[in-house]
C-alpha atoms as a PDB file:
ATOM      1  CA  MET A   1       0.000   0.000   0.000  1.00  0.00           C
ATOM      2  CA  ARG A   2       1.180   3.515  -0.822  1.00  0.00           C
ATOM      3  CA  LEU A   3      -0.220   6.172   1.484  1.00  0.00           C
ATOM      4  CA  LEU A   4      -0.327   9.948   1.632  1.00  0.00           C
ATOM      5  CA  ILE A   5      -0.624  10.934   5.300  1.00  0.00           C
ATOM      6  CA  THR A   6      -1.588  14.594   5.642  1.00  0.00           C
ATOM      7  CA  GLY A   7      -0.775  16.403   8.867  1.00  0.00           C
ATOM      8  CA  GLY A   8       1.715  13.674   9.677  1.00  0.00           C
ATOM      9  CA  ALA A   9       4.068  15.923  11.641  1.00  0.00           C
ATOM     10  CA  GLY A  10       1.372  16.614  14.221  1.00  0.00           C
ATOM     11  CA  PHE A  11       0.658  14.679  17.385  1.00  0.00           C
ATOM     12  CA  ILE A  12      -1.658  11.887  16.222  1.00  0.00           C
ATOM     13  CA  GLY A  13      -0.396  11.828  12.637  1.00  0.00           C
ATOM     14  CA  SER A  14       3.227  11.282  13.661  1.00  0.00           C
ATOM     15  CA  HIS A  15       2.258   8.423  15.973  1.00  0.00           C
ATOM     16  CA  PHE A  16       0.230   6.843  13.169  1.00  0.00           C
ATOM     17  CA  ILE A  17       3.123   7.051  10.711  1.00  0.00           C
ATOM     18  CA  ARG A  18       5.414   5.342  13.198  1.00  0.00           C
ATOM     19  CA  TYR A  19       2.695   2.755  13.908  1.00  0.00           C
ATOM     20  CA  LEU A  20       2.299   1.939  10.198  1.00  0.00           C
ATOM     21  CA  LEU A  21       6.024   1.646   9.562  1.00  0.00           C
ATOM     22  CA  GLN A  22       6.296  -0.852  12.404  1.00  0.00           C
ATOM     23  CA  ALA A  23       3.149  -2.837  11.594  1.00  0.00           C
ATOM     24  CA  TYR A  24       3.521  -2.834   7.796  1.00  0.00           C
ATOM     25  CA  PRO A  25       7.214  -2.422   6.923  1.00  0.00           C
ATOM     26  CA  LYS A  26       6.549  -2.772   3.183  1.00  0.00           C
ATOM     27  CA  TYR A  27       4.080   0.117   3.033  1.00  0.00           C
ATOM     28  CA  ARG A  28       5.326   3.368   1.503  1.00  0.00           C
ATOM     29  CA  ILE A  29       4.365   6.613   3.208  1.00  0.00           C
ATOM     30  CA  VAL A  30       4.487  10.221   2.042  1.00  0.00           C
ATOM     31  CA  ASN A  31       3.917  12.727   4.846  1.00  0.00           C
ATOM     32  CA  LEU A  32       2.467  16.071   3.706  1.00  0.00           C
ATOM     33  CA  ASP A  33       2.507  18.722   6.402  1.00  0.00           C
ATOM     34  CA  LYS A  34       2.448  22.516   6.251  1.00  0.00           C
ATOM     35  CA  LEU A  35       4.494  22.716   9.466  1.00  0.00           C
ATOM     36  CA  THR A  36       2.287  25.292  11.102  1.00  0.00           C
ATOM     37  CA  TYR A  37       2.759  25.869  14.829  1.00  0.00           C
ATOM     38  CA  ALA A  38       1.695  22.327  15.827  1.00  0.00           C
ATOM     39  CA  GLY A  39       3.629  20.489  13.098  1.00  0.00           C
ATOM     40  CA  ASN A  40       6.977  19.341  14.436  1.00  0.00           C
ATOM     41  CA  LEU A  41       9.496  17.207  12.559  1.00  0.00           C
ATOM     42  CA  ASP A  42      11.160  16.395  15.882  1.00  0.00           C
ATOM     43  CA  ASN A  43       8.212  14.006  16.322  1.00  0.00           C
ATOM     44  CA  LEU A  44       9.581  11.845  13.488  1.00  0.00           C
ATOM     45  CA  ARG A  45      13.377  12.013  13.869  1.00  0.00           C
ATOM     46  CA  ASP A  46      13.528   8.286  14.508  1.00  0.00           C
ATOM     47  CA  VAL A  47      11.958   7.404  11.116  1.00  0.00           C
ATOM     48  CA  GLU A  48      13.265  10.112   8.794  1.00  0.00           C
ATOM     49  CA  GLU A  49      15.955   7.787   7.396  1.00  0.00           C
ATOM     50  CA  ASN A  50      13.506   4.971   6.722  1.00  0.00           C
ATOM     51  CA  PRO A  51      13.596   4.311   2.939  1.00  0.00           C
ATOM     52  CA  HIS A  52       9.819   3.765   2.928  1.00  0.00           C
ATOM     53  CA  TYR A  53       9.108   7.203   4.398  1.00  0.00           C
ATOM     54  CA  ARG A  54       9.303  10.635   2.760  1.00  0.00           C
ATOM     55  CA  PHE A  55       8.368  14.101   3.996  1.00  0.00           C
ATOM     56  CA  ALA A  56       6.958  16.882   1.813  1.00  0.00           C
ATOM     57  CA  GLN A  57       6.223  20.337   3.186  1.00  0.00           C
ATOM     58  CA  GLY A  58       3.057  21.834   1.803  1.00  0.00           C
ATOM     59  CA  ASP A  59      -0.557  22.842   2.258  1.00  0.00           C
ATOM     60  CA  ILE A  60      -3.544  20.550   1.625  1.00  0.00           C
ATOM     61  CA  CYS A  61      -5.286  23.626   0.186  1.00  0.00           C
ATOM     62  CA  ASP A  62      -2.694  23.755  -2.626  1.00  0.00           C
ATOM     63  CA  PRO A  63      -4.105  21.607  -5.470  1.00  0.00           C
ATOM     64  CA  VAL A  64      -0.825  21.550  -7.399  1.00  0.00           C
ATOM     65  CA  MET A  65       1.098  20.136  -4.435  1.00  0.00           C
ATOM     66  CA  VAL A  66      -1.679  17.717  -3.521  1.00  0.00           C
ATOM     67  CA  ASN A  67      -2.087  16.392  -7.078  1.00  0.00           C
ATOM     68  CA  THR A  68       1.659  15.935  -7.467  1.00  0.00           C
ATOM     69  CA  LEU A  69       1.791  13.722  -4.382  1.00  0.00           C
ATOM     70  CA  ALA A  70      -1.573  12.026  -4.876  1.00  0.00           C
ATOM     71  CA  GLN A  71      -0.511  10.495  -8.195  1.00  0.00           C
ATOM     72  CA  GLU A  72       2.224   8.565  -6.341  1.00  0.00           C
ATOM     73  CA  VAL A  73      -0.134   6.837  -3.862  1.00  0.00           C
ATOM     74  CA  ASP A  74      -3.388   4.912  -3.726  1.00  0.00           C
ATOM     75  CA  VAL A  75      -4.653   5.867  -0.241  1.00  0.00           C
ATOM     76  CA  ILE A  76      -5.045   9.182   1.591  1.00  0.00           C
ATOM     77  CA  VAL A  77      -5.397   9.429   5.378  1.00  0.00           C
ATOM     78  CA  ASN A  78      -6.279  13.002   6.309  1.00  0.00           C
ATOM     79  CA  PHE A  79      -5.128  14.168   9.730  1.00  0.00           C
ATOM     80  CA  ALA A  80      -4.453  17.718   8.535  1.00  0.00           C
ATOM     81  CA  ALA A  81      -6.700  20.128  10.407  1.00  0.00           C
ATOM     82  CA  GLU A  82      -6.859  23.141  12.618  1.00  0.00           C
ATOM     83  CA  THR A  83      -7.933  21.507  15.872  1.00  0.00           C
ATOM     84  CA  HIS A  84      -7.940  23.736  18.956  1.00  0.00           C
ATOM     85  CA  VAL A  85     -11.258  25.163  20.154  1.00  0.00           C
ATOM     86  CA  ASP A  86      -9.758  28.276  21.779  1.00  0.00           C
ATOM     87  CA  ARG A  87      -7.866  29.180  18.611  1.00  0.00           C
ATOM     88  CA  SER A  88     -11.022  28.707  16.529  1.00  0.00           C
ATOM     89  CA  ILE A  89     -12.834  31.230  18.723  1.00  0.00           C
ATOM     90  CA  LEU A  90     -10.080  33.772  18.135  1.00  0.00           C
ATOM     91  CA  GLU A  91      -9.444  33.062  14.425  1.00  0.00           C
ATOM     92  CA  PRO A  92     -12.174  30.912  12.792  1.00  0.00           C
ATOM     93  CA  GLY A  93     -11.217  31.631   9.170  1.00  0.00           C
ATOM     94  CA  GLY A  94      -8.215  29.322   9.084  1.00  0.00           C
ATOM     95  CA  PHE A  95     -10.305  26.447  10.428  1.00  0.00           C
ATOM     96  CA  ILE A  96     -12.858  26.769   7.647  1.00  0.00           C
ATOM     97  CA  ARG A  97     -10.137  26.969   5.020  1.00  0.00           C
ATOM     98  CA  THR A  98      -8.190  23.909   6.155  1.00  0.00           C
ATOM     99  CA  ASP A  99     -10.928  21.677   7.546  1.00  0.00           C
ATOM    100  CA  VAL A 100     -13.420  22.238   4.707  1.00  0.00           C
ATOM    101  CA  HIS A 101     -11.664  23.492   1.585  1.00  0.00           C
ATOM    102  CA  GLY A 102      -8.567  21.385   2.257  1.00  0.00           C
ATOM    103  CA  THR A 103     -10.755  18.281   2.555  1.00  0.00           C
ATOM    104  CA  TYR A 104     -12.319  19.123  -0.812  1.00  0.00           C
ATOM    105  CA  ILE A 105      -8.895  19.469  -2.484  1.00  0.00           C
ATOM    106  CA  LEU A 106      -7.779  16.094  -1.127  1.00  0.00           C
ATOM    107  CA  MET A 107     -10.915  14.287  -2.220  1.00  0.00           C
ATOM    108  CA  GLU A 108     -10.767  15.746  -5.715  1.00  0.00           C
ATOM    109  CA  ALA A 109      -7.194  14.485  -6.021  1.00  0.00           C
ATOM    110  CA  ALA A 110      -8.214  11.040  -4.773  1.00  0.00           C
ATOM    111  CA  ARG A 111     -10.989  10.946  -7.365  1.00  0.00           C
ATOM    112  CA  ARG A 112      -8.674  12.068 -10.147  1.00  0.00           C
ATOM    113  CA  PHE A 113      -6.193   9.274  -9.490  1.00  0.00           C
ATOM    114  CA  ASN A 114      -8.760   6.582  -8.645  1.00  0.00           C
ATOM    115  CA  HIS A 115      -7.558   5.948  -5.111  1.00  0.00           C
ATOM    116  CA  ARG A 116      -8.701   2.769  -3.421  1.00  0.00           C
ATOM    117  CA  ARG A 117      -9.379   4.433  -0.047  1.00  0.00           C
ATOM    118  CA  TYR A 118      -9.765   7.833   1.596  1.00  0.00           C
ATOM    119  CA  LEU A 119      -9.883   8.041   5.399  1.00  0.00           C
ATOM    120  CA  GLN A 120     -11.038  11.235   7.106  1.00  0.00           C
ATOM    121  CA  ILE A 121      -9.973  11.669  10.737  1.00  0.00           C
ATOM    122  CA  SER A 122     -12.597  13.609  12.667  1.00  0.00           C
ATOM    123  CA  THR A 123     -13.633  14.253  16.257  1.00  0.00           C
ATOM    124  CA  ASP A 124     -16.393  13.591  18.791  1.00  0.00           C
ATOM    125  CA  GLU A 125     -16.846  17.352  19.105  1.00  0.00           C
ATOM    126  CA  VAL A 126     -19.007  17.434  15.973  1.00  0.00           C
ATOM    127  CA  TYR A 127     -21.848  15.910  18.019  1.00  0.00           C
ATOM    128  CA  GLY A 128     -21.847  18.682  20.607  1.00  0.00           C
ATOM    129  CA  SER A 129     -22.511  18.028  24.288  1.00  0.00           C
ATOM    130  CA  ILE A 130     -24.510  15.173  25.812  1.00  0.00           C
ATOM    131  CA  GLN A 131     -25.803  15.087  29.395  1.00  0.00           C
ATOM    132  CA  THR A 132     -26.392  11.330  29.678  1.00  0.00           C
ATOM    133  CA  GLY A 133     -25.787   8.305  27.481  1.00  0.00           C
ATOM    134  CA  ALA A 134     -23.465   8.316  24.479  1.00  0.00           C
ATOM    135  CA  PHE A 135     -23.472   9.487  20.892  1.00  0.00           C
ATOM    136  CA  THR A 136     -23.796   6.907  18.130  1.00  0.00           C
ATOM    137  CA  GLU A 137     -22.709   7.362  14.529  1.00  0.00           C
ATOM    138  CA  ASP A 138     -26.345   8.216  13.689  1.00  0.00           C
ATOM    139  CA  SER A 139     -26.597  11.034  16.255  1.00  0.00           C
ATOM    140  CA  PRO A 140     -27.253  14.481  14.747  1.00  0.00           C
ATOM    141  CA  LEU A 141     -24.318  16.832  14.403  1.00  0.00           C
ATOM    142  CA  GLN A 142     -24.656  19.822  16.728  1.00  0.00           C
ATOM    143  CA  PRO A 143     -21.234  21.537  16.860  1.00  0.00           C
ATOM    144  CA  ASN A 144     -20.830  24.347  19.380  1.00  0.00           C
ATOM    145  CA  SER A 145     -17.523  25.941  18.345  1.00  0.00           C
ATOM    146  CA  PRO A 146     -16.090  27.141  15.029  1.00  0.00           C
ATOM    147  CA  TYR A 147     -13.584  24.262  15.228  1.00  0.00           C
ATOM    148  CA  ALA A 148     -16.291  21.625  15.686  1.00  0.00           C
ATOM    149  CA  ALA A 149     -18.421  23.235  12.972  1.00  0.00           C
ATOM    150  CA  SER A 150     -15.534  23.214  10.499  1.00  0.00           C
ATOM    151  CA  LYS A 151     -14.913  19.517  11.177  1.00  0.00           C
ATOM    152  CA  ALA A 152     -18.629  18.735  10.875  1.00  0.00           C
ATOM    153  CA  ALA A 153     -18.741  20.540   7.532  1.00  0.00           C
ATOM    154  CA  GLY A 154     -15.761  18.524   6.307  1.00  0.00           C
ATOM    155  CA  ASP A 155     -17.438  15.311   7.496  1.00  0.00           C
ATOM    156  CA  LEU A 156     -20.643  16.107   5.610  1.00  0.00           C
ATOM    157  CA  LEU A 157     -18.667  16.890   2.471  1.00  0.00           C
ATOM    158  CA  VAL A 158     -16.929  13.501   2.707  1.00  0.00           C
ATOM    159  CA  LEU A 159     -20.224  11.662   3.162  1.00  0.00           C
ATOM    160  CA  SER A 160     -21.772  13.549   0.261  1.00  0.00           C
ATOM    161  CA  TYR A 161     -18.940  12.346  -1.990  1.00  0.00           C
ATOM    162  CA  THR A 162     -19.531   8.738  -0.992  1.00  0.00           C
ATOM    163  CA  ARG A 163     -23.211   9.008  -1.874  1.00  0.00           C
ATOM    164  CA  THR A 164     -22.907  11.153  -4.988  1.00  0.00           C
ATOM    165  CA  TYR A 165     -19.784   9.721  -6.595  1.00  0.00           C
ATOM    166  CA  GLY A 166     -19.349   6.351  -4.898  1.00  0.00           C
ATOM    167  CA  PHE A 167     -16.182   7.827  -3.404  1.00  0.00           C
ATOM    168  CA  PRO A 168     -14.278   5.189  -1.338  1.00  0.00           C
ATOM    169  CA  ALA A 169     -14.220   7.141   1.922  1.00  0.00           C
ATOM    170  CA  ILE A 170     -14.427   6.115   5.565  1.00  0.00           C
ATOM    171  CA  LEU A 171     -14.784   8.559   8.441  1.00  0.00           C
ATOM    172  CA  THR A 172     -13.647   8.120  12.047  1.00  0.00           C
ATOM    173  CA  ARG A 173     -14.575  10.257  15.049  1.00  0.00           C
ATOM    174  CA  CYS A 174     -12.453   9.870  18.154  1.00  0.00           C
ATOM    175  CA  SER A 175     -12.581  11.060  21.741  1.00  0.00           C
ATOM    176  CA  ASN A 176      -9.803  13.081  23.421  1.00  0.00           C
ATOM    177  CA  ASN A 177      -6.297  11.753  22.725  1.00  0.00           C
ATOM    178  CA  PHE A 178      -3.257  11.959  24.981  1.00  0.00           C
ATOM    179  CA  GLY A 179       0.327  10.753  24.926  1.00  0.00           C
ATOM    180  CA  PRO A 180       3.887  11.930  24.209  1.00  0.00           C
ATOM    181  CA  ASN A 181       4.585  14.720  21.699  1.00  0.00           C
ATOM    182  CA  GLN A 182       1.223  16.449  22.096  1.00  0.00           C
ATOM    183  CA  TYR A 183       1.402  20.201  21.523  1.00  0.00           C
ATOM    184  CA  PRO A 184       1.202  21.961  24.902  1.00  0.00           C
ATOM    185  CA  GLU A 185      -1.963  23.932  24.241  1.00  0.00           C
ATOM    186  CA  LYS A 186      -4.010  20.807  25.063  1.00  0.00           C
ATOM    187  CA  ILE A 187      -4.954  20.312  28.698  1.00  0.00           C
ATOM    188  CA  ILE A 188      -2.693  17.377  29.636  1.00  0.00           C
ATOM    189  CA  PRO A 189       0.628  18.651  28.214  1.00  0.00           C
ATOM    190  CA  LEU A 190      -0.268  22.234  29.174  1.00  0.00           C
ATOM    191  CA  PHE A 191      -0.936  21.331  32.789  1.00  0.00           C
ATOM    192  CA  VAL A 192       2.016  18.947  33.056  1.00  0.00           C
ATOM    193  CA  THR A 193       4.526  21.450  31.684  1.00  0.00           C
ATOM    194  CA  HIS A 194       3.050  24.312  33.698  1.00  0.00           C
ATOM    195  CA  ALA A 195       3.239  22.247  36.876  1.00  0.00           C
ATOM    196  CA  LEU A 196       6.852  21.314  36.133  1.00  0.00           C
ATOM    197  CA  GLU A 197       7.614  25.042  35.991  1.00  0.00           C
ATOM    198  CA  ASP A 198       5.434  25.797  39.033  1.00  0.00           C
ATOM    199  CA  GLN A 199       3.161  27.974  36.921  1.00  0.00           C
ATOM    200  CA  PRO A 200      -0.607  28.291  37.525  1.00  0.00           C
ATOM    201  CA  LEU A 201      -2.876  25.726  35.842  1.00  0.00           C
ATOM    202  CA  PRO A 202      -5.771  27.624  34.162  1.00  0.00           C
ATOM    203  CA  LEU A 203      -8.846  25.453  34.765  1.00  0.00           C
ATOM    204  CA  TYR A 204     -11.995  26.559  32.951  1.00  0.00           C
ATOM    205  CA  GLY A 205     -15.131  27.241  34.994  1.00  0.00           C
ATOM    206  CA  ASP A 206     -15.906  24.751  37.757  1.00  0.00           C
ATOM    207  CA  GLY A 207     -13.682  22.043  36.225  1.00  0.00           C
ATOM    208  CA  ARG A 208     -16.622  19.614  35.953  1.00  0.00           C
ATOM    209  CA  ASN A 209     -16.583  19.278  32.172  1.00  0.00           C
ATOM    210  CA  VAL A 210     -16.270  15.593  31.265  1.00  0.00           C
ATOM    211  CA  ARG A 211     -14.090  14.108  28.518  1.00  0.00           C
ATOM    212  CA  ASP A 212     -13.486  10.519  27.436  1.00  0.00           C
ATOM    213  CA  TRP A 213      -9.740   9.891  27.132  1.00  0.00           C
ATOM    214  CA  ILE A 214      -7.937   7.512  24.784  1.00  0.00           C
ATOM    215  CA  TYR A 215      -4.225   6.805  24.564  1.00  0.00           C
ATOM    216  CA  VAL A 216      -2.916   7.802  21.153  1.00  0.00           C
ATOM    217  CA  LEU A 217      -1.675   4.303  20.239  1.00  0.00           C
ATOM    218  CA  ASP A 218      -5.147   2.871  20.834  1.00  0.00           C
ATOM    219  CA  HIS A 219      -6.471   5.483  18.410  1.00  0.00           C
ATOM    220  CA  CYS A 220      -3.812   4.432  15.879  1.00  0.00           C
ATOM    221  CA  ALA A 221      -4.863   0.797  16.197  1.00  0.00           C
ATOM    222  CA  ALA A 222      -8.505   1.737  15.602  1.00  0.00           C
ATOM    223  CA  ILE A 223      -7.587   3.764  12.511  1.00  0.00           C
ATOM    224  CA  ASP A 224      -5.641   0.749  11.246  1.00  0.00           C
ATOM    225  CA  ILE A 225      -8.770  -1.406  11.615  1.00  0.00           C
ATOM    226  CA  ALA A 226     -10.999   1.161   9.906  1.00  0.00           C
ATOM    227  CA  LEU A 227      -8.500   1.587   7.070  1.00  0.00           C
ATOM    228  CA  HIS A 228      -8.197  -2.121   6.322  1.00  0.00           C
ATOM    229  CA  HIS A 229     -11.594  -3.473   7.330  1.00  0.00           C
ATOM    230  CA  GLY A 230     -14.033  -0.568   7.374  1.00  0.00           C
ATOM    231  CA  LYS A 231     -16.905  -0.256   4.925  1.00  0.00           C
ATOM    232  CA  THR A 232     -17.007   2.554   2.384  1.00  0.00           C
ATOM    233  CA  GLY A 233     -19.393   5.329   3.364  1.00  0.00           C
ATOM    234  CA  GLU A 234     -19.451   4.393   7.041  1.00  0.00           C
ATOM    235  CA  VAL A 235     -18.664   6.475  10.121  1.00  0.00           C
ATOM    236  CA  TYR A 236     -16.860   4.805  13.031  1.00  0.00           C
ATOM    237  CA  ASN A 237     -16.753   6.266  16.535  1.00  0.00           C
ATOM    238  CA  ILE A 238     -13.575   5.520  18.505  1.00  0.00           C
ATOM    239  CA  GLY A 239     -13.725   5.791  22.287  1.00  0.00           C
ATOM    240  CA  GLY A 240     -11.405   5.081  25.168  1.00  0.00           C
ATOM    241  CA  GLY A 241     -13.978   4.353  27.863  1.00  0.00           C
ATOM    242  CA  ASN A 242     -12.216   6.666  30.336  1.00  0.00           C
ATOM    243  CA  GLU A 243     -14.516   9.521  31.327  1.00  0.00           C
ATOM    244  CA  ARG A 244     -12.958  12.022  33.713  1.00  0.00           C
ATOM    245  CA  THR A 245     -13.853  15.533  34.796  1.00  0.00           C
ATOM    246  CA  ASN A 246     -11.196  18.128  34.114  1.00  0.00           C
ATOM    247  CA  ILE A 247     -10.689  18.674  37.833  1.00  0.00           C
ATOM    248  CA  GLU A 248     -10.128  14.931  38.373  1.00  0.00           C
ATOM    249  CA  LEU A 249      -7.608  14.901  35.549  1.00  0.00           C
ATOM    250  CA  THR A 250      -5.830  17.929  37.004  1.00  0.00           C
ATOM    251  CA  HIS A 251      -5.422  16.292  40.409  1.00  0.00           C
ATOM    252  CA  LEU A 252      -4.069  13.096  38.812  1.00  0.00           C
ATOM    253  CA  ILE A 253      -1.389  15.158  37.068  1.00  0.00           C
ATOM    254  CA  LEU A 254      -0.478  17.111  40.195  1.00  0.00           C
ATOM    255  CA  ASN A 255      -0.297  13.952  42.289  1.00  0.00           C
ATOM    256  CA  GLU A 256       2.011  12.255  39.795  1.00  0.00           C
ATOM    257  CA  LEU A 257       4.355  15.263  39.892  1.00  0.00           C
ATOM    258  CA  ASP A 258       4.007  15.749  43.655  1.00  0.00           C
ATOM    259  CA  LYS A 259       2.835  19.310  43.087  1.00  0.00           C
ATOM    260  CA  PRO A 260       0.320  21.197  45.272  1.00  0.00           C
ATOM    261  CA  ALA A 261      -3.320  21.800  44.384  1.00  0.00           C
ATOM    262  CA  SER A 262      -2.672  25.482  45.052  1.00  0.00           C
ATOM    263  CA  LEU A 263      -1.321  25.680  41.482  1.00  0.00           C
ATOM    264  CA  ILE A 264      -4.901  25.359  40.165  1.00  0.00           C
ATOM    265  CA  ARG A 265      -6.414  28.670  39.058  1.00  0.00           C
ATOM    266  CA  SER A 266     -10.056  28.931  38.042  1.00  0.00           C
ATOM    267  CA  VAL A 267     -10.461  31.045  34.899  1.00  0.00           C
ATOM    268  CA  THR A 268     -13.522  32.358  33.106  1.00  0.00           C
ATOM    269  CA  ASP A 269     -15.133  29.588  31.105  1.00  0.00           C
ATOM    270  CA  ARG A 270     -14.739  29.754  27.336  1.00  0.00           C
ATOM    271  CA  PRO A 271     -17.797  30.501  25.149  1.00  0.00           C
ATOM    272  CA  GLY A 272     -19.807  27.463  24.044  1.00  0.00           C
ATOM    273  CA  HIS A 273     -17.844  25.084  26.271  1.00  0.00           C
ATOM    274  CA  ASP A 274     -19.313  21.583  25.841  1.00  0.00           C
ATOM    275  CA  ARG A 275     -20.131  19.977  29.189  1.00  0.00           C
ATOM    276  CA  ARG A 276     -19.679  16.300  28.345  1.00  0.00           C
ATOM    277  CA  TYR A 277     -18.585  14.101  25.456  1.00  0.00           C
ATOM    278  CA  ALA A 278     -19.263  10.368  25.278  1.00  0.00           C
ATOM    279  CA  LEU A 279     -19.177   7.946  22.356  1.00  0.00           C
ATOM    280  CA  SER A 280     -20.718   4.565  21.658  1.00  0.00           C
ATOM    281  CA  ASP A 281     -18.065   2.709  19.652  1.00  0.00           C
ATOM    282  CA  GLN A 282     -19.778  -0.636  19.104  1.00  0.00           C
ATOM    283  CA  LYS A 283     -19.372  -0.429  15.313  1.00  0.00           C
ATOM    284  CA  ILE A 284     -15.561  -0.297  15.424  1.00  0.00           C
ATOM    285  CA  ARG A 285     -15.497  -2.890  18.223  1.00  0.00           C
ATOM    286  CA  ALA A 286     -17.448  -5.234  15.936  1.00  0.00           C
ATOM    287  CA  LEU A 287     -14.442  -5.040  13.586  1.00  0.00           C
ATOM    288  CA  GLY A 288     -12.092  -6.134  16.377  1.00  0.00           C
ATOM    289  CA  TYR A 289     -11.057  -2.875  18.062  1.00  0.00           C
ATOM    290  CA  ARG A 290     -10.301  -2.913  21.781  1.00  0.00           C
ATOM    291  CA  PRO A 291      -8.420  -0.205  23.709  1.00  0.00           C
ATOM    292  CA  ARG A 292      -5.394  -1.940  25.262  1.00  0.00           C
ATOM    293  CA  HIS A 293      -3.696   0.824  27.251  1.00  0.00           C
ATOM    294  CA  PRO A 294      -5.033   1.406  30.798  1.00  0.00           C
ATOM    295  CA  PHE A 295      -5.786   5.080  31.360  1.00  0.00           C
ATOM    296  CA  GLU A 296      -4.061   5.824  34.660  1.00  0.00           C
ATOM    297  CA  GLU A 297      -0.965   3.781  33.740  1.00  0.00           C
ATOM    298  CA  THR A 298      -0.481   5.511  30.385  1.00  0.00           C
ATOM    299  CA  LEU A 299      -1.299   8.898  31.907  1.00  0.00           C
ATOM    300  CA  ARG A 300       1.558   8.360  34.382  1.00  0.00           C
ATOM    301  CA  GLU A 301       3.853   7.324  31.520  1.00  0.00           C
ATOM    302  CA  THR A 302       2.822  10.420  29.567  1.00  0.00           C
ATOM    303  CA  VAL A 303       3.484  12.733  32.521  1.00  0.00           C
ATOM    304  CA  ARG A 304       6.900  11.149  32.968  1.00  0.00           C
ATOM    305  CA  TRP A 305       7.660  11.624  29.262  1.00  0.00           C
ATOM    306  CA  TYR A 306       7.163  15.388  29.537  1.00  0.00           C
ATOM    307  CA  ARG A 307       9.158  15.436  32.761  1.00  0.00           C
ATOM    308  CA  ASP A 308      12.039  13.560  31.105  1.00  0.00           C
ATOM    309  CA  ASN A 309      11.976  15.469  27.772  1.00  0.00           C
ATOM    310  CA  PRO A 310      12.009  19.157  28.681  1.00  0.00           C
ATOM    311  CA  ALA A 311      13.995  20.113  25.564  1.00  0.00           C
ATOM    312  CA  TRP A 312      11.058  19.064  23.374  1.00  0.00           C
ATOM    313  CA  TRP A 313       8.452  21.287  25.031  1.00  0.00           C
ATOM    314  CA  GLN A 314      10.592  24.142  26.338  1.00  0.00           C
ATOM    315  CA  LYS A 315      11.523  25.059  22.762  1.00  0.00           C
ATOM    316  CA  ILE A 316       7.823  25.214  21.875  1.00  0.00           C
ATOM    317  CA  LYS A 317       6.738  27.201  24.919  1.00  0.00           C
ATOM    318  CA  SER A 318       9.483  29.767  24.474  1.00  0.00           C
ATOM    319  CA  GLY A 319       8.303  30.593  20.921  1.00  0.00           C
ATOM    320  CA  THR A 320       4.955  31.505  19.364  1.00  0.00           C
ATOM    321  CA  PHE A 321       3.104  29.526  22.027  1.00  0.00           C
ATOM    322  CA  ARG A 322       3.979  32.150  24.617  1.00  0.00           C
ATOM    323  CA  HIS A 323       2.332  34.954  22.616  1.00  0.00           C
ATOM    324  CA  TYR A 324      -0.804  32.866  22.063  1.00  0.00           C
ATOM    325  CA  TYR A 325      -0.997  31.837  25.718  1.00  0.00           C
ATOM    326  CA  ASP A 326      -0.710  35.409  26.939  1.00  0.00           C
ATOM    327  CA  GLN A 327      -3.372  36.506  24.451  1.00  0.00           C
ATOM    328  CA  GLN A 328      -5.729  33.691  25.402  1.00  0.00           C
ATOM    329  CA  TYR A 329      -5.610  33.998  29.192  1.00  0.00           C
ATOM    330  CA  ALA A 330      -5.007  37.725  29.641  1.00  0.00           C
ATOM    331  CA  GLY A 331      -7.603  39.072  32.081  1.00  0.00           C
ATOM    332  CA  ARG A 332      -9.042  35.661  32.937  1.00  0.00           C
ATOM    333  CA  TRP A 333      -7.297  35.090  36.241  1.00  0.00           C
END
């Protein structure tokens, strides 16, 4: 199989590339990434000399670049996206461009070169918030942020292609990921690195928002199953089965680092903050998926990774991240 992985220098994409190279050593992978703030080639230093791997810097919204690479492969897996809710509130335009128009450019290229498979990586946030129970793949889409709306629009475009053109697409929607190499705007790496520096941990509202957590390698395994065994035109939810409130998660991090709870600072809640996410993932489980990484064990391993690899995140937090962080939280304390 020859694959174009878009957004492969990001957190989940880089783990998936490494996963594929280990699981399928004969596969050939081209990694297309724009290297925006969250794209980091340090995430892939250990595979950059692999003869079956190649990196290309570029934008999925550039049809010339996309078509040039798409003619070399027969599968596209699209991780490329603007993904952070807070950033989408500040600057929604880039999310619409990448998550909707970029998806269109990729699918047109896949159609042009008669690809055998297109896999769109999406998110549970497209469903909105749920008080009780869990979303199924048939639940209505009710996004509550510009980020979630841009992903929902991309999802609907993908599904329209499968129905209109018989396009060979599959769509996955996953719960919150965590693990090494995650950009430190997300809650786990943000709070871990802040605690390591004895900085305040900005906890939104009352901290009772609930998220379902999945270790990134379990997500990679589920994508593998969907890619090889999923049915064209289907949506597959991917869950971890680990619901935690944000305040619970924060205390787990502080306890692992032996840091005081006094580091927690309540900040004004963000607009449209979803209260709870939960997914029913019976469809992907019917294909053989099972999460294999216990939450608290892998959370401890993740915390230790950031503790033991300060050079990776200190370089990030000393750059453009610092300007964004100051802009985001100014006046909220």
